C-alpha atoms as a PDB file:
ATOM      1  CA  UNK A   1     -13.922-138.716   1.186  1.00  0.00           C
ATOM      2  CA  UNK A   2     -17.339-137.234   0.491  1.00  0.00           C
ATOM      3  CA  UNK A   3     -19.505-136.224   3.437  1.00  0.00           C
ATOM      4  CA  UNK A   4     -23.222-135.946   2.713  1.00  0.00           C
ATOM      5  CA  UNK A   5     -24.553-132.891   4.560  1.00  0.00           C
ATOM      6  CA  UNK A   6     -28.099-133.082   3.187  1.00  0.00           C
ATOM      7  CA  UNK A   7     -29.512-134.304   6.518  1.00  0.00           C
ATOM      8  CA  UNK A   8     -28.098-131.291   8.325  1.00  0.00           C
ATOM      9  CA  UNK A   9     -26.113-131.207  11.551  1.00  0.00           C
ATOM     10  CA  UNK A  10     -26.360-130.220  15.202  1.00  0.00           C
ATOM     11  CA  UNK A  11     -24.905-127.150  16.897  1.00  0.00           C
ATOM     12  CA  UNK A  12     -25.717-127.281  20.570  1.00  0.00           C
ATOM     13  CA  UNK A  13     -29.372-128.182  20.914  1.00  0.00           C
ATOM     14  CA  UNK A  14     -30.228-126.802  17.477  1.00  0.00           C
ATOM     15  CA  UNK A  15     -30.583-128.786  14.273  1.00  0.00           C
ATOM     16  CA  UNK A  16     -29.379-126.926  11.194  1.00  0.00           C
ATOM     17  CA  UNK A  17     -30.605-127.806   7.728  1.00  0.00           C
ATOM     18  CA  UNK A  18     -28.344-127.469   4.710  1.00  0.00           C
ATOM     19  CA  UNK A  19     -29.911-126.117   1.533  1.00  0.00           C
ATOM     20  CA  UNK A  20     -27.939-126.522  -1.688  1.00  0.00           C
ATOM     21  CA  UNK A  21     -30.960-126.307  -3.987  1.00  0.00           C
ATOM     22  CA  UNK A  22     -31.390-124.361  -7.216  1.00  0.00           C
ATOM     23  CA  UNK A  23     -33.742-121.994  -5.373  1.00  0.00           C
ATOM     24  CA  UNK A  24     -31.067-121.305  -2.741  1.00  0.00           C
ATOM     25  CA  UNK A  25     -28.508-120.661  -5.496  1.00  0.00           C
ATOM     26  CA  UNK A  26     -30.810-118.137  -7.187  1.00  0.00           C
ATOM     27  CA  UNK A  27     -31.491-116.320  -3.916  1.00  0.00           C
ATOM     28  CA  UNK A  28     -27.770-116.242  -3.098  1.00  0.00           C
ATOM     29  CA  UNK A  29     -26.965-114.851  -6.543  1.00  0.00           C
ATOM     30  CA  UNK A  30     -29.504-112.117  -5.821  1.00  0.00           C
ATOM     31  CA  UNK A  31     -27.612-111.334  -2.607  1.00  0.00           C
ATOM     32  CA  UNK A  32     -24.258-111.551  -4.448  1.00  0.00           C
ATOM     33  CA  UNK A  33     -22.874-114.238  -2.133  1.00  0.00           C
ATOM     34  CA  UNK A  34     -21.936-117.929  -2.165  1.00  0.00           C
ATOM     35  CA  UNK A  35     -23.653-118.887   1.070  1.00  0.00           C
ATOM     36  CA  UNK A  36     -25.479-117.640   4.104  1.00  0.00           C
ATOM     37  CA  UNK A  37     -26.688-118.577   7.548  1.00  0.00           C
ATOM     38  CA  UNK A  38     -30.367-117.993   8.264  1.00  0.00           C
ATOM     39  CA  UNK A  39     -30.225-117.582  12.032  1.00  0.00           C
ATOM     40  CA  UNK A  40     -33.875-117.938  13.002  1.00  0.00           C
ATOM     41  CA  UNK A  41     -34.659-120.660  10.486  1.00  0.00           C
ATOM     42  CA  UNK A  42     -31.515-122.639  11.373  1.00  0.00           C
ATOM     43  CA  UNK A  43     -30.608-123.118   7.728  1.00  0.00           C
ATOM     44  CA  UNK A  44     -27.233-122.887   6.044  1.00  0.00           C
ATOM     45  CA  UNK A  45     -27.419-122.273   2.312  1.00  0.00           C
ATOM     46  CA  UNK A  46     -24.584-122.931  -0.119  1.00  0.00           C
ATOM     47  CA  UNK A  47     -24.798-122.210  -3.847  1.00  0.00           C
ATOM     48  CA  UNK A  48     -24.807-125.432  -5.857  1.00  0.00           C
ATOM     49  CA  UNK A  49     -22.837-124.064  -8.808  1.00  0.00           C
ATOM     50  CA  UNK A  50     -19.502-123.772  -6.985  1.00  0.00           C
ATOM     51  CA  UNK A  51     -16.359-125.854  -7.297  1.00  0.00           C
ATOM     52  CA  UNK A  52     -15.841-128.469  -4.589  1.00  0.00           C
ATOM     53  CA  UNK A  53     -13.184-126.210  -3.024  1.00  0.00           C
ATOM     54  CA  UNK A  54     -15.620-123.290  -2.919  1.00  0.00           C
ATOM     55  CA  UNK A  55     -18.375-125.505  -1.481  1.00  0.00           C
ATOM     56  CA  UNK A  56     -15.998-126.755   1.216  1.00  0.00           C
ATOM     57  CA  UNK A  57     -14.882-123.261   2.161  1.00  0.00           C
ATOM     58  CA  UNK A  58     -18.389-121.770   2.079  1.00  0.00           C
ATOM     59  CA  UNK A  59     -19.918-124.644   4.055  1.00  0.00           C
ATOM     60  CA  UNK A  60     -17.235-124.352   6.743  1.00  0.00           C
ATOM     61  CA  UNK A  61     -17.645-120.565   6.847  1.00  0.00           C
ATOM     62  CA  UNK A  62     -21.396-120.848   7.398  1.00  0.00           C
ATOM     63  CA  UNK A  63     -20.908-123.553  10.051  1.00  0.00           C
ATOM     64  CA  UNK A  64     -18.595-121.204  11.939  1.00  0.00           C
ATOM     65  CA  UNK A  65     -21.281-118.512  11.637  1.00  0.00           C
ATOM     66  CA  UNK A  66     -23.725-120.931  13.297  1.00  0.00           C
ATOM     67  CA  UNK A  67     -21.257-121.733  16.092  1.00  0.00           C
ATOM     68  CA  UNK A  68     -20.580-118.019  16.553  1.00  0.00           C
ATOM     69  CA  UNK A  69     -24.299-117.352  16.935  1.00  0.00           C
ATOM     70  CA  UNK A  70     -24.958-120.322  19.244  1.00  0.00           C
ATOM     71  CA  UNK A  71     -21.897-120.164  21.504  1.00  0.00           C
ATOM     72  CA  UNK A  72     -20.222-116.786  21.109  1.00  0.00           C
ATOM     73  CA  UNK A  73     -23.156-114.347  21.006  1.00  0.00           C
ATOM     74  CA  UNK A  74     -21.931-113.155  17.586  1.00  0.00           C
ATOM     75  CA  UNK A  75     -18.699-111.804  19.103  1.00  0.00           C
ATOM     76  CA  UNK A  76     -16.426-113.223  16.406  1.00  0.00           C
ATOM     77  CA  UNK A  77     -15.926-110.691  13.625  1.00  0.00           C
ATOM     78  CA  UNK A  78     -16.720-111.672  10.060  1.00  0.00           C
ATOM     79  CA  UNK A  79     -13.096-111.297   8.894  1.00  0.00           C
ATOM     80  CA  UNK A  80     -11.985-113.688  11.635  1.00  0.00           C
ATOM     81  CA  UNK A  81     -14.663-116.197  10.603  1.00  0.00           C
ATOM     82  CA  UNK A  82     -13.423-115.955   7.017  1.00  0.00           C
ATOM     83  CA  UNK A  83      -9.824-116.541   8.123  1.00  0.00           C
ATOM     84  CA  UNK A  84     -10.788-119.552  10.262  1.00  0.00           C
ATOM     85  CA  UNK A  85     -12.870-120.989   7.419  1.00  0.00           C
ATOM     86  CA  UNK A  86      -9.960-120.598   4.988  1.00  0.00           C
ATOM     87  CA  UNK A  87      -7.611-122.407   7.360  1.00  0.00           C
ATOM     88  CA  UNK A  88     -10.043-125.213   8.157  1.00  0.00           C
ATOM     89  CA  UNK A  89     -10.863-125.586   4.484  1.00  0.00           C
ATOM     90  CA  UNK A  90      -7.167-126.144   3.730  1.00  0.00           C
ATOM     91  CA  UNK A  91      -7.007-128.790   6.462  1.00  0.00           C
ATOM     92  CA  UNK A  92     -10.066-130.624   5.117  1.00  0.00           C
ATOM     93  CA  UNK A  93      -8.734-130.366   1.557  1.00  0.00           C
ATOM     94  CA  UNK A  94      -5.420-131.928   2.634  1.00  0.00           C
ATOM     95  CA  UNK A  95      -7.457-134.771   4.167  1.00  0.00           C
ATOM     96  CA  UNK A  96      -9.362-135.112   0.842  1.00  0.00           C
ATOM     97  CA  UNK A  97     -12.713-134.275   2.458  1.00  0.00           C
ATOM     98  CA  UNK A  98     -15.493-132.601   0.508  1.00  0.00           C
ATOM     99  CA  UNK A  99     -19.058-131.766   1.487  1.00  0.00           C
ATOM    100  CA  UNK A 100     -21.898-132.802  -0.789  1.00  0.00           C
ATOM    101  CA  UNK A 101     -25.672-132.922  -0.878  1.00  0.00           C
ATOM    102  CA  UNK A 102     -27.350-136.329  -1.085  1.00  0.00           C
ATOM    103  CA  UNK A 103     -26.785-138.375  -4.212  1.00  0.00           C
ATOM    104  CA  UNK A 104     -23.573-136.700  -5.390  1.00  0.00           C
END
């Protein structure tokens, strides 16, 4: 099942946008990463040149970063976020769920 994330999502009272544009990809390449979470702008960026497994894992990772910032005062360590994202990504993969931008 494909889930279109192009309209964003809610974490608490905050609306997060999802940017999977070519511009985001270029900026992420410049930072040598697959995705990021722009705290003050409430934007999650995921490179658009990744496999569907990498998109799933990166999207989940950045969502956990947003939850960590909103609900946990950034107390969850990055390694723990990575481990949770890997586990959740495996669950979603087994359920045949992938995250896409509009029109894919």
